[in-house]
Amino acid sequence: MKSENVKIIFGYILICLLWGSTWLAIRVGLDSLTPIFSAGFRFIIAAALFYILIKVKKVEIKTDPLAIKLYLMMGFLSFVIPFGLVYWAEQFIPSGLASILFGFFPFATILFSRFLIKGDQIDIYQVAAVILGFIGLIVIFSENLSIELDNSFFGMLAVLGSAFLQGFNAVMIKKYGKNLNPVSMNFFPVLIAGICMMLLSLLFEDLSRNRYDFGAFFSVTYLAVFGTLITFSIYYWLMKRMNVVILSISSFITPIVAVILGWLILGEKLSLQDLFGSSLVLIGILFANLKGLKKYYLTAKK
């Protein structure tokens, strides 16, 4: 049991670090590739890697009606629509504002968990964690926020829509996806996302702008391997073993990782405001796990 707890903690930290680093990789890739093509190419490569992993590990691919429904739901509600909305929205709103709006993901998870998962209790600690984490993100990005409702209103709605779709999908997978292997359950959704996004790119993007240089190769490869294959496998493995609300709070940590990497690699400013906002997020995470920590402490005393 203790061994699995260590794996859960390590997995949680790893997805936060890797997803935090994807912002930097996306930025590098967008200097060479159009957004939807870049995302579609990433998912096509990731789907191929998932398929190889399935064959090597001899993982069973379930094809019963429930599994197929979940594959389709994940493909569109985890990848195609949410990623499409965010990429589209960032043409009109700053990335800092997009990060904060996507912070509604844990709120959506709480809302859907309350009505769809009877056994997953939501306590005051988790609610406090989400509120503190959201305030922390606002503090971190407040200097860089600018809102012009005439130009950005629909972009803001798009990111909110993405967050709520992701929250709904996470709760549905938590409820119905227990019998699916974390590797096989990603293959079809990622393949659907790759095909759909490549088609959308062909229809709506000017592909003559694309440059297939080292930046493009690095970005797509890194995002396929570390930002998709590894992270989503770990994410759905964790979903079977921990509260879905606490898992969703990882979306507060990834922007902090992105800020720190921007400071270390790109020389971007890291202010006291960033550190204060990050502290609020970390305190929120402590609140989310306070009940479990108290239980662990009392058990250890016995």
C-alpha atoms as a PDB file:
ATOM      1  CA  MET A   1       0.000   0.000   0.000  1.00  0.00           C
ATOM      2  CA  LYS A   2       2.802   2.403   0.911  1.00  0.00           C
ATOM      3  CA  SER A   3       4.538   1.546  -2.377  1.00  0.00           C
ATOM      4  CA  GLU A   4       1.424   2.493  -4.355  1.00  0.00           C
ATOM      5  CA  ASN A   5       1.109   5.776  -2.401  1.00  0.00           C
ATOM      6  CA  VAL A   6       4.659   6.665  -3.438  1.00  0.00           C
ATOM      7  CA  LYS A   7       3.788   5.877  -7.066  1.00  0.00           C
ATOM      8  CA  ILE A   8       0.672   8.072  -6.841  1.00  0.00           C
ATOM      9  CA  ILE A   9       2.636  11.024  -5.427  1.00  0.00           C
ATOM     10  CA  PHE A  10       5.411  10.591  -8.000  1.00  0.00           C
ATOM     11  CA  GLY A  11       2.892  10.293 -10.839  1.00  0.00           C
ATOM     12  CA  TYR A  12       1.032  13.424  -9.699  1.00  0.00           C
ATOM     13  CA  ILE A  13       4.250  15.450  -9.517  1.00  0.00           C
ATOM     14  CA  LEU A  14       5.390  14.125 -12.905  1.00  0.00           C
ATOM     15  CA  ILE A  15       2.227  15.115 -14.793  1.00  0.00           C
ATOM     16  CA  CYS A  16       2.385  18.595 -13.230  1.00  0.00           C
ATOM     17  CA  LEU A  17       6.010  19.044 -14.330  1.00  0.00           C
ATOM     18  CA  LEU A  18       5.520  17.620 -17.813  1.00  0.00           C
ATOM     19  CA  TRP A  19       2.280  19.464 -18.578  1.00  0.00           C
ATOM     20  CA  GLY A  20       3.871  22.636 -17.214  1.00  0.00           C
ATOM     21  CA  SER A  21       6.733  22.205 -19.680  1.00  0.00           C
ATOM     22  CA  THR A  22       4.369  21.772 -22.639  1.00  0.00           C
ATOM     23  CA  TRP A  23       3.607  25.519 -22.711  1.00  0.00           C
ATOM     24  CA  LEU A  24       7.257  26.166 -23.577  1.00  0.00           C
ATOM     25  CA  ALA A  25       7.292  23.368 -26.190  1.00  0.00           C
ATOM     26  CA  ILE A  26       4.091  24.704 -27.796  1.00  0.00           C
ATOM     27  CA  ARG A  27       5.594  28.204 -27.963  1.00  0.00           C
ATOM     28  CA  VAL A  28       8.683  26.828 -29.733  1.00  0.00           C
ATOM     29  CA  GLY A  29       6.543  24.899 -32.216  1.00  0.00           C
ATOM     30  CA  LEU A  30       4.257  27.812 -33.090  1.00  0.00           C
ATOM     31  CA  ASP A  31       7.255  29.715 -34.440  1.00  0.00           C
ATOM     32  CA  SER A  32       7.391  27.091 -37.216  1.00  0.00           C
ATOM     33  CA  LEU A  33       3.958  25.458 -37.528  1.00  0.00           C
ATOM     34  CA  THR A  34       0.347  26.641 -37.658  1.00  0.00           C
ATOM     35  CA  PRO A  35      -1.526  25.853 -34.396  1.00  0.00           C
ATOM     36  CA  ILE A  36      -4.093  23.231 -35.470  1.00  0.00           C
ATOM     37  CA  PHE A  37      -1.613  21.437 -37.742  1.00  0.00           C
ATOM     38  CA  SER A  38       0.915  21.348 -34.884  1.00  0.00           C
ATOM     39  CA  ALA A  39      -1.671  19.864 -32.497  1.00  0.00           C
ATOM     40  CA  GLY A  40      -2.893  17.340 -35.077  1.00  0.00           C
ATOM     41  CA  PHE A  41       0.647  16.247 -35.976  1.00  0.00           C
ATOM     42  CA  ARG A  42       1.390  15.831 -32.256  1.00  0.00           C
ATOM     43  CA  PHE A  43      -1.622  13.560 -31.749  1.00  0.00           C
ATOM     44  CA  ILE A  44      -0.946  11.469 -34.886  1.00  0.00           C
ATOM     45  CA  ILE A  45       2.572  10.700 -33.635  1.00  0.00           C
ATOM     46  CA  ALA A  46       1.266  10.050 -30.108  1.00  0.00           C
ATOM     47  CA  ALA A  47      -1.372   7.635 -31.469  1.00  0.00           C
ATOM     48  CA  ALA A  48       1.338   5.699 -33.309  1.00  0.00           C
ATOM     49  CA  LEU A  49       3.380   5.509 -30.097  1.00  0.00           C
ATOM     50  CA  PHE A  50       0.354   4.327 -28.109  1.00  0.00           C
ATOM     51  CA  TYR A  51      -0.240   1.604 -30.710  1.00  0.00           C
ATOM     52  CA  ILE A  52       3.394   0.431 -30.510  1.00  0.00           C
ATOM     53  CA  LEU A  53       3.172   0.365 -26.710  1.00  0.00           C
ATOM     54  CA  ILE A  54      -0.057  -1.658 -26.870  1.00  0.00           C
ATOM     55  CA  LYS A  55       1.567  -4.224 -29.137  1.00  0.00           C
ATOM     56  CA  VAL A  56       4.784  -4.440 -27.095  1.00  0.00           C
ATOM     57  CA  LYS A  57       2.980  -4.800 -23.770  1.00  0.00           C
ATOM     58  CA  LYS A  58       0.221  -6.947 -25.332  1.00  0.00           C
ATOM     59  CA  VAL A  59      -2.490  -4.741 -23.843  1.00  0.00           C
ATOM     60  CA  GLU A  60      -6.072  -5.766 -24.557  1.00  0.00           C
ATOM     61  CA  ILE A  61      -8.120  -3.204 -26.487  1.00  0.00           C
ATOM     62  CA  LYS A  62     -11.717  -3.403 -25.324  1.00  0.00           C
ATOM     63  CA  THR A  63     -14.335  -2.931 -28.038  1.00  0.00           C
ATOM     64  CA  ASP A  64     -17.577  -3.392 -26.105  1.00  0.00           C
ATOM     65  CA  PRO A  65     -20.289  -0.728 -26.604  1.00  0.00           C
ATOM     66  CA  LEU A  66     -19.392   1.161 -23.384  1.00  0.00           C
ATOM     67  CA  ALA A  67     -15.692   1.259 -24.297  1.00  0.00           C
ATOM     68  CA  ILE A  68     -16.453   2.590 -27.790  1.00  0.00           C
ATOM     69  CA  LYS A  69     -18.707   5.308 -26.322  1.00  0.00           C
ATOM     70  CA  LEU A  70     -15.913   6.293 -23.924  1.00  0.00           C
ATOM     71  CA  TYR A  71     -13.340   6.383 -26.763  1.00  0.00           C
ATOM     72  CA  LEU A  72     -15.566   8.701 -28.785  1.00  0.00           C
ATOM     73  CA  MET A  73     -16.361  10.870 -25.768  1.00  0.00           C
ATOM     74  CA  MET A  74     -12.683  11.194 -24.847  1.00  0.00           C
ATOM     75  CA  GLY A  75     -11.670  11.861 -28.451  1.00  0.00           C
ATOM     76  CA  PHE A  76     -13.998  14.816 -28.804  1.00  0.00           C
ATOM     77  CA  LEU A  77     -14.403  16.081 -25.212  1.00  0.00           C
ATOM     78  CA  SER A  78     -10.774  15.633 -24.089  1.00  0.00           C
ATOM     79  CA  PHE A  79      -8.913  16.447 -27.289  1.00  0.00           C
ATOM     80  CA  VAL A  80     -10.635  17.692 -30.448  1.00  0.00           C
ATOM     81  CA  ILE A  81     -13.067  20.282 -29.057  1.00  0.00           C
ATOM     82  CA  PRO A  82     -11.151  21.482 -25.935  1.00  0.00           C
ATOM     83  CA  PHE A  83      -7.803  21.789 -27.734  1.00  0.00           C
ATOM     84  CA  GLY A  84      -9.499  23.375 -30.738  1.00  0.00           C
ATOM     85  CA  LEU A  85     -11.279  25.920 -28.513  1.00  0.00           C
ATOM     86  CA  VAL A  86      -8.103  26.863 -26.627  1.00  0.00           C
ATOM     87  CA  TYR A  87      -5.979  27.203 -29.772  1.00  0.00           C
ATOM     88  CA  TRP A  88      -8.710  29.280 -31.410  1.00  0.00           C
ATOM     89  CA  ALA A  89      -9.214  31.438 -28.307  1.00  0.00           C
ATOM     90  CA  GLU A  90      -5.537  32.342 -27.952  1.00  0.00           C
ATOM     91  CA  GLN A  91      -5.797  34.327 -31.186  1.00  0.00           C
ATOM     92  CA  PHE A  92      -7.942  36.813 -29.265  1.00  0.00           C
ATOM     93  CA  ILE A  93      -6.997  36.650 -25.563  1.00  0.00           C
ATOM     94  CA  PRO A  94      -3.655  36.676 -23.708  1.00  0.00           C
ATOM     95  CA  SER A  95      -2.235  33.340 -22.585  1.00  0.00           C
ATOM     96  CA  GLY A  96      -2.315  34.518 -18.946  1.00  0.00           C
ATOM     97  CA  LEU A  97      -6.045  35.147 -19.155  1.00  0.00           C
ATOM     98  CA  ALA A  98      -6.531  31.788 -20.877  1.00  0.00           C
ATOM     99  CA  SER A  99      -4.661  30.065 -18.028  1.00  0.00           C
ATOM    100  CA  ILE A 100      -6.897  31.687 -15.421  1.00  0.00           C
ATOM    101  CA  LEU A 101     -10.107  30.889 -17.301  1.00  0.00           C
ATOM    102  CA  PHE A 102      -9.015  27.269 -17.659  1.00  0.00           C
ATOM    103  CA  GLY A 103      -8.682  27.335 -13.867  1.00  0.00           C
ATOM    104  CA  PHE A 104     -12.442  26.734 -13.888  1.00  0.00           C
ATOM    105  CA  PHE A 105     -11.637  23.101 -14.707  1.00  0.00           C
ATOM    106  CA  PRO A 106     -11.541  22.050 -11.002  1.00  0.00           C
ATOM    107  CA  PHE A 107     -14.780  23.979 -10.351  1.00  0.00           C
ATOM    108  CA  ALA A 108     -16.426  22.060 -13.217  1.00  0.00           C
ATOM    109  CA  THR A 109     -15.045  18.813 -11.818  1.00  0.00           C
ATOM    110  CA  ILE A 110     -16.548  19.564  -8.398  1.00  0.00           C
ATOM    111  CA  LEU A 111     -19.898  20.408  -9.986  1.00  0.00           C
ATOM    112  CA  PHE A 112     -20.125  17.258 -12.104  1.00  0.00           C
ATOM    113  CA  SER A 113     -18.715  15.034  -9.338  1.00  0.00           C
ATOM    114  CA  ARG A 114     -21.415  16.268  -6.987  1.00  0.00           C
ATOM    115  CA  PHE A 115     -24.171  15.045  -9.300  1.00  0.00           C
ATOM    116  CA  LEU A 116     -22.613  12.111 -11.157  1.00  0.00           C
ATOM    117  CA  ILE A 117     -20.387  10.250  -8.654  1.00  0.00           C
ATOM    118  CA  LYS A 118     -22.174   9.240  -5.459  1.00  0.00           C
ATOM    119  CA  GLY A 119     -19.180   7.680  -3.689  1.00  0.00           C
ATOM    120  CA  ASP A 120     -16.718  10.515  -4.401  1.00  0.00           C
ATOM    121  CA  GLN A 121     -17.191  12.830  -1.431  1.00  0.00           C
ATOM    122  CA  ILE A 122     -16.324  16.516  -1.845  1.00  0.00           C
ATOM    123  CA  ASP A 123     -15.324  18.155   1.427  1.00  0.00           C
ATOM    124  CA  ILE A 124     -14.667  21.732   2.554  1.00  0.00           C
ATOM    125  CA  TYR A 125     -10.902  21.191   2.220  1.00  0.00           C
ATOM    126  CA  GLN A 126     -11.191  20.488  -1.513  1.00  0.00           C
ATOM    127  CA  VAL A 127     -13.445  23.505  -2.071  1.00  0.00           C
ATOM    128  CA  ALA A 128     -10.962  25.727  -0.174  1.00  0.00           C
ATOM    129  CA  ALA A 129      -8.117  24.260  -2.253  1.00  0.00           C
ATOM    130  CA  VAL A 130      -9.822  25.120  -5.543  1.00  0.00           C
ATOM    131  CA  ILE A 131     -10.620  28.673  -4.408  1.00  0.00           C
ATOM    132  CA  LEU A 132      -7.067  29.301  -3.124  1.00  0.00           C
ATOM    133  CA  GLY A 133      -5.550  27.837  -6.281  1.00  0.00           C
ATOM    134  CA  PHE A 134      -7.729  30.011  -8.501  1.00  0.00           C
ATOM    135  CA  ILE A 135      -6.831  33.158  -6.525  1.00  0.00           C
ATOM    136  CA  GLY A 136      -3.165  32.164  -6.786  1.00  0.00           C
ATOM    137  CA  LEU A 137      -3.381  32.016 -10.585  1.00  0.00           C
ATOM    138  CA  ILE A 138      -5.034  35.446 -10.705  1.00  0.00           C
ATOM    139  CA  VAL A 139      -2.200  36.878  -8.558  1.00  0.00           C
ATOM    140  CA  ILE A 140       0.487  35.330 -10.794  1.00  0.00           C
ATOM    141  CA  PHE A 141      -0.950  36.612 -14.073  1.00  0.00           C
ATOM    142  CA  SER A 142      -2.696  39.826 -12.939  1.00  0.00           C
ATOM    143  CA  GLU A 143      -0.016  42.146 -14.389  1.00  0.00           C
ATOM    144  CA  ASN A 144      -0.397  40.609 -17.843  1.00  0.00           C
ATOM    145  CA  LEU A 145      -4.186  40.598 -18.082  1.00  0.00           C
ATOM    146  CA  SER A 146      -6.011  42.852 -20.495  1.00  0.00           C
ATOM    147  CA  ILE A 147      -9.643  42.287 -21.391  1.00  0.00           C
ATOM    148  CA  GLU A 148     -11.372  43.969 -24.328  1.00  0.00           C
ATOM    149  CA  LEU A 149     -14.842  42.520 -24.431  1.00  0.00           C
ATOM    150  CA  ASP A 150     -15.395  43.577 -28.037  1.00  0.00           C
ATOM    151  CA  ASN A 151     -12.531  41.391 -29.285  1.00  0.00           C
ATOM    152  CA  SER A 152     -12.111  38.711 -26.628  1.00  0.00           C
ATOM    153  CA  PHE A 153     -15.562  37.867 -25.278  1.00  0.00           C
ATOM    154  CA  PHE A 154     -16.021  34.770 -27.470  1.00  0.00           C
ATOM    155  CA  GLY A 155     -12.420  33.747 -26.838  1.00  0.00           C
ATOM    156  CA  MET A 156     -13.099  33.822 -23.101  1.00  0.00           C
ATOM    157  CA  LEU A 157     -16.259  31.761 -23.571  1.00  0.00           C
ATOM    158  CA  ALA A 158     -14.272  29.255 -25.652  1.00  0.00           C
ATOM    159  CA  VAL A 159     -11.721  28.648 -22.878  1.00  0.00           C
ATOM    160  CA  LEU A 160     -14.484  28.344 -20.282  1.00  0.00           C
ATOM    161  CA  GLY A 161     -16.238  25.869 -22.557  1.00  0.00           C
ATOM    162  CA  SER A 162     -13.007  23.881 -22.850  1.00  0.00           C
ATOM    163  CA  ALA A 163     -12.615  23.767 -19.055  1.00  0.00           C
ATOM    164  CA  PHE A 164     -16.183  22.574 -18.491  1.00  0.00           C
ATOM    165  CA  LEU A 165     -15.936  19.920 -21.202  1.00  0.00           C
ATOM    166  CA  GLN A 166     -12.718  18.626 -19.652  1.00  0.00           C
ATOM    167  CA  GLY A 167     -14.335  18.580 -16.202  1.00  0.00           C
ATOM    168  CA  PHE A 168     -17.347  16.637 -17.471  1.00  0.00           C
ATOM    169  CA  ASN A 169     -15.138  14.177 -19.358  1.00  0.00           C
ATOM    170  CA  ALA A 170     -12.878  13.578 -16.335  1.00  0.00           C
ATOM    171  CA  VAL A 171     -15.856  12.731 -14.126  1.00  0.00           C
ATOM    172  CA  MET A 172     -17.412  10.435 -16.739  1.00  0.00           C
ATOM    173  CA  ILE A 173     -14.140   8.540 -17.212  1.00  0.00           C
ATOM    174  CA  LYS A 174     -13.778   8.279 -13.436  1.00  0.00           C
ATOM    175  CA  LYS A 175     -17.287   6.819 -13.238  1.00  0.00           C
ATOM    176  CA  TYR A 176     -17.336   4.464 -16.231  1.00  0.00           C
ATOM    177  CA  GLY A 177     -13.716   3.874 -17.306  1.00  0.00           C
ATOM    178  CA  LYS A 178     -12.486   1.701 -14.438  1.00  0.00           C
ATOM    179  CA  ASN A 179     -12.091  -1.421 -16.582  1.00  0.00           C
ATOM    180  CA  LEU A 180     -10.051   0.275 -19.322  1.00  0.00           C
ATOM    181  CA  ASN A 181      -6.268   0.102 -19.422  1.00  0.00           C
ATOM    182  CA  PRO A 182      -4.684   3.617 -19.233  1.00  0.00           C
ATOM    183  CA  VAL A 183      -2.643   2.914 -22.387  1.00  0.00           C
ATOM    184  CA  SER A 184      -5.345   1.381 -24.581  1.00  0.00           C
ATOM    185  CA  MET A 185      -7.989   3.898 -23.477  1.00  0.00           C
ATOM    186  CA  ASN A 186      -5.877   6.722 -24.936  1.00  0.00           C
ATOM    187  CA  PHE A 187      -5.108   5.192 -28.335  1.00  0.00           C
ATOM    188  CA  PHE A 188      -8.447   5.693 -30.113  1.00  0.00           C
ATOM    189  CA  PRO A 189      -9.215   9.153 -28.619  1.00  0.00           C
ATOM    190  CA  VAL A 190      -5.755  10.473 -29.550  1.00  0.00           C
ATOM    191  CA  LEU A 191      -6.067   8.973 -33.057  1.00  0.00           C
ATOM    192  CA  ILE A 192      -9.491  10.612 -33.483  1.00  0.00           C
ATOM    193  CA  ALA A 193      -8.023  13.935 -32.345  1.00  0.00           C
ATOM    194  CA  GLY A 194      -5.069  13.668 -34.726  1.00  0.00           C
ATOM    195  CA  ILE A 195      -7.199  12.852 -37.780  1.00  0.00           C
ATOM    196  CA  CYS A 196      -9.844  15.515 -37.024  1.00  0.00           C
ATOM    197  CA  MET A 197      -7.309  18.248 -36.338  1.00  0.00           C
ATOM    198  CA  MET A 198      -5.283  17.483 -39.458  1.00  0.00           C
ATOM    199  CA  LEU A 199      -8.493  17.712 -41.514  1.00  0.00           C
ATOM    200  CA  LEU A 200      -9.433  21.006 -39.830  1.00  0.00           C
ATOM    201  CA  SER A 201      -5.949  22.299 -40.514  1.00  0.00           C
ATOM    202  CA  LEU A 202      -6.215  21.394 -44.222  1.00  0.00           C
ATOM    203  CA  LEU A 203      -9.548  23.212 -44.429  1.00  0.00           C
ATOM    204  CA  PHE A 204      -8.841  26.369 -42.433  1.00  0.00           C
ATOM    205  CA  GLU A 205      -5.074  26.992 -42.146  1.00  0.00           C
ATOM    206  CA  ASP A 206      -2.499  28.245 -44.627  1.00  0.00           C
ATOM    207  CA  LEU A 207      -0.092  25.302 -44.554  1.00  0.00           C
ATOM    208  CA  SER A 208       2.380  27.091 -46.843  1.00  0.00           C
ATOM    209  CA  ARG A 209       3.476  29.027 -43.719  1.00  0.00           C
ATOM    210  CA  ASN A 210       4.821  25.851 -42.088  1.00  0.00           C
ATOM    211  CA  ARG A 211       8.589  25.408 -41.731  1.00  0.00           C
ATOM    212  CA  TYR A 212       9.783  21.890 -40.943  1.00  0.00           C
ATOM    213  CA  ASP A 213      12.877  22.876 -38.987  1.00  0.00           C
ATOM    214  CA  PHE A 214      14.448  21.738 -35.710  1.00  0.00           C
ATOM    215  CA  GLY A 215      11.980  23.792 -33.640  1.00  0.00           C
ATOM    216  CA  ALA A 216       9.031  22.064 -35.301  1.00  0.00           C
ATOM    217  CA  PHE A 217      10.608  18.619 -34.895  1.00  0.00           C
ATOM    218  CA  PHE A 218      11.491  19.216 -31.245  1.00  0.00           C
ATOM    219  CA  SER A 219       8.075  20.657 -30.348  1.00  0.00           C
ATOM    220  CA  VAL A 220       5.944  17.970 -31.994  1.00  0.00           C
ATOM    221  CA  THR A 221       8.142  15.099 -30.759  1.00  0.00           C
ATOM    222  CA  TYR A 222       8.344  16.389 -27.186  1.00  0.00           C
ATOM    223  CA  LEU A 223       4.607  17.059 -27.018  1.00  0.00           C
ATOM    224  CA  ALA A 224       3.756  13.650 -28.499  1.00  0.00           C
ATOM    225  CA  VAL A 225       6.031  11.687 -26.145  1.00  0.00           C
ATOM    226  CA  PHE A 226       6.058  13.672 -22.904  1.00  0.00           C
ATOM    227  CA  GLY A 227       2.965  15.856 -23.253  1.00  0.00           C
ATOM    228  CA  THR A 228       0.647  13.093 -24.482  1.00  0.00           C
ATOM    229  CA  LEU A 229       1.929   9.502 -24.306  1.00  0.00           C
ATOM    230  CA  ILE A 230       3.445   9.642 -20.821  1.00  0.00           C
ATOM    231  CA  THR A 231       1.204  12.247 -19.185  1.00  0.00           C
ATOM    232  CA  PHE A 232      -2.183  10.926 -20.303  1.00  0.00           C
ATOM    233  CA  SER A 233      -1.218   7.339 -19.449  1.00  0.00           C
ATOM    234  CA  ILE A 234      -0.249   8.460 -15.935  1.00  0.00           C
ATOM    235  CA  TYR A 235      -3.284  10.769 -15.653  1.00  0.00           C
ATOM    236  CA  TYR A 236      -5.824   8.012 -16.307  1.00  0.00           C
ATOM    237  CA  TRP A 237      -3.865   5.599 -14.106  1.00  0.00           C
ATOM    238  CA  LEU A 238      -4.119   8.163 -11.295  1.00  0.00           C
ATOM    239  CA  MET A 239      -7.798   8.730 -11.977  1.00  0.00           C
ATOM    240  CA  LYS A 240      -8.532   5.163 -10.868  1.00  0.00           C
ATOM    241  CA  ARG A 241      -6.647   5.675  -7.605  1.00  0.00           C
ATOM    242  CA  MET A 242      -7.393   9.175  -6.314  1.00  0.00           C
ATOM    243  CA  ASN A 243     -10.179  11.702  -5.934  1.00  0.00           C
ATOM    244  CA  VAL A 244     -10.947  13.336  -9.286  1.00  0.00           C
ATOM    245  CA  VAL A 245     -11.197  16.839  -7.734  1.00  0.00           C
ATOM    246  CA  ILE A 246      -7.709  16.601  -6.199  1.00  0.00           C
ATOM    247  CA  LEU A 247      -6.401  15.309  -9.526  1.00  0.00           C
ATOM    248  CA  SER A 248      -7.977  18.246 -11.370  1.00  0.00           C
ATOM    249  CA  ILE A 249      -6.095  20.703  -9.117  1.00  0.00           C
ATOM    250  CA  SER A 250      -2.980  19.768 -11.099  1.00  0.00           C
ATOM    251  CA  SER A 251      -4.259  22.331 -13.644  1.00  0.00           C
ATOM    252  CA  PHE A 252      -3.307  25.056 -11.127  1.00  0.00           C
ATOM    253  CA  ILE A 253       0.278  23.796 -10.876  1.00  0.00           C
ATOM    254  CA  THR A 254       1.115  23.604 -14.577  1.00  0.00           C
ATOM    255  CA  PRO A 255       1.057  27.411 -15.116  1.00  0.00           C
ATOM    256  CA  ILE A 256       3.483  27.787 -12.178  1.00  0.00           C
ATOM    257  CA  VAL A 257       5.844  25.283 -13.784  1.00  0.00           C
ATOM    258  CA  ALA A 258       5.504  27.212 -17.065  1.00  0.00           C
ATOM    259  CA  VAL A 259       6.409  30.498 -15.328  1.00  0.00           C
ATOM    260  CA  ILE A 260       9.467  28.935 -13.659  1.00  0.00           C
ATOM    261  CA  LEU A 261      10.661  27.343 -16.919  1.00  0.00           C
ATOM    262  CA  GLY A 262      10.181  30.656 -18.701  1.00  0.00           C
ATOM    263  CA  TRP A 263      12.410  32.258 -16.063  1.00  0.00           C
ATOM    264  CA  LEU A 264      15.080  29.528 -16.223  1.00  0.00           C
ATOM    265  CA  ILE A 265      15.196  28.955 -20.005  1.00  0.00           C
ATOM    266  CA  LEU A 266      13.888  32.113 -21.658  1.00  0.00           C
ATOM    267  CA  GLY A 267      15.080  34.614 -19.040  1.00  0.00           C
ATOM    268  CA  GLU A 268      11.554  35.853 -18.333  1.00  0.00           C
ATOM    269  CA  LYS A 269      10.891  37.836 -15.152  1.00  0.00           C
ATOM    270  CA  LEU A 270      10.036  35.927 -11.951  1.00  0.00           C
ATOM    271  CA  SER A 271       8.594  38.449  -9.484  1.00  0.00           C
ATOM    272  CA  LEU A 272       7.590  38.365  -5.830  1.00  0.00           C
ATOM    273  CA  GLN A 273       4.024  38.419  -7.124  1.00  0.00           C
ATOM    274  CA  ASP A 274       4.691  35.139  -8.975  1.00  0.00           C
ATOM    275  CA  LEU A 275       6.137  33.600  -5.806  1.00  0.00           C
ATOM    276  CA  PHE A 276       3.198  34.792  -3.671  1.00  0.00           C
ATOM    277  CA  GLY A 277       0.630  33.460  -6.152  1.00  0.00           C
ATOM    278  CA  SER A 278       2.495  30.153  -6.359  1.00  0.00           C
ATOM    279  CA  SER A 279       2.468  29.920  -2.566  1.00  0.00           C
ATOM    280  CA  LEU A 280      -1.329  30.304  -2.544  1.00  0.00           C
ATOM    281  CA  VAL A 281      -1.643  27.455  -5.056  1.00  0.00           C
ATOM    282  CA  LEU A 282       0.630  25.210  -2.993  1.00  0.00           C
ATOM    283  CA  ILE A 283      -1.288  26.033   0.196  1.00  0.00           C
ATOM    284  CA  GLY A 284      -4.459  25.125  -1.690  1.00  0.00           C
ATOM    285  CA  ILE A 285      -2.981  21.738  -2.592  1.00  0.00           C
ATOM    286  CA  LEU A 286      -2.137  21.210   1.084  1.00  0.00           C
ATOM    287  CA  PHE A 287      -5.781  21.950   1.950  1.00  0.00           C
ATOM    288  CA  ALA A 288      -6.978  19.474  -0.681  1.00  0.00           C
ATOM    289  CA  ASN A 289      -4.958  16.724   0.969  1.00  0.00           C
ATOM    290  CA  LEU A 290      -5.429  17.853   4.583  1.00  0.00           C
ATOM    291  CA  LYS A 291      -8.072  15.251   5.396  1.00  0.00           C
ATOM    292  CA  GLY A 292      -5.882  12.447   4.044  1.00  0.00           C
ATOM    293  CA  LEU A 293      -2.810  13.772   5.865  1.00  0.00           C
ATOM    294  CA  LYS A 294      -4.719  13.925   9.164  1.00  0.00           C
ATOM    295  CA  LYS A 295      -5.919  10.365   8.666  1.00  0.00           C
ATOM    296  CA  TYR A 296      -2.364   9.212   7.854  1.00  0.00           C
ATOM    297  CA  TYR A 297      -0.998  10.992  10.962  1.00  0.00           C
ATOM    298  CA  LEU A 298      -3.573   9.431  13.268  1.00  0.00           C
ATOM    299  CA  THR A 299      -2.925   5.979  11.796  1.00  0.00           C
ATOM    300  CA  ALA A 300       0.841   6.414  12.223  1.00  0.00           C
ATOM    301  CA  LYS A 301       0.395   7.386  15.895  1.00  0.00           C
ATOM    302  CA  LYS A 302      -1.442   4.133  16.562  1.00  0.00           C
END
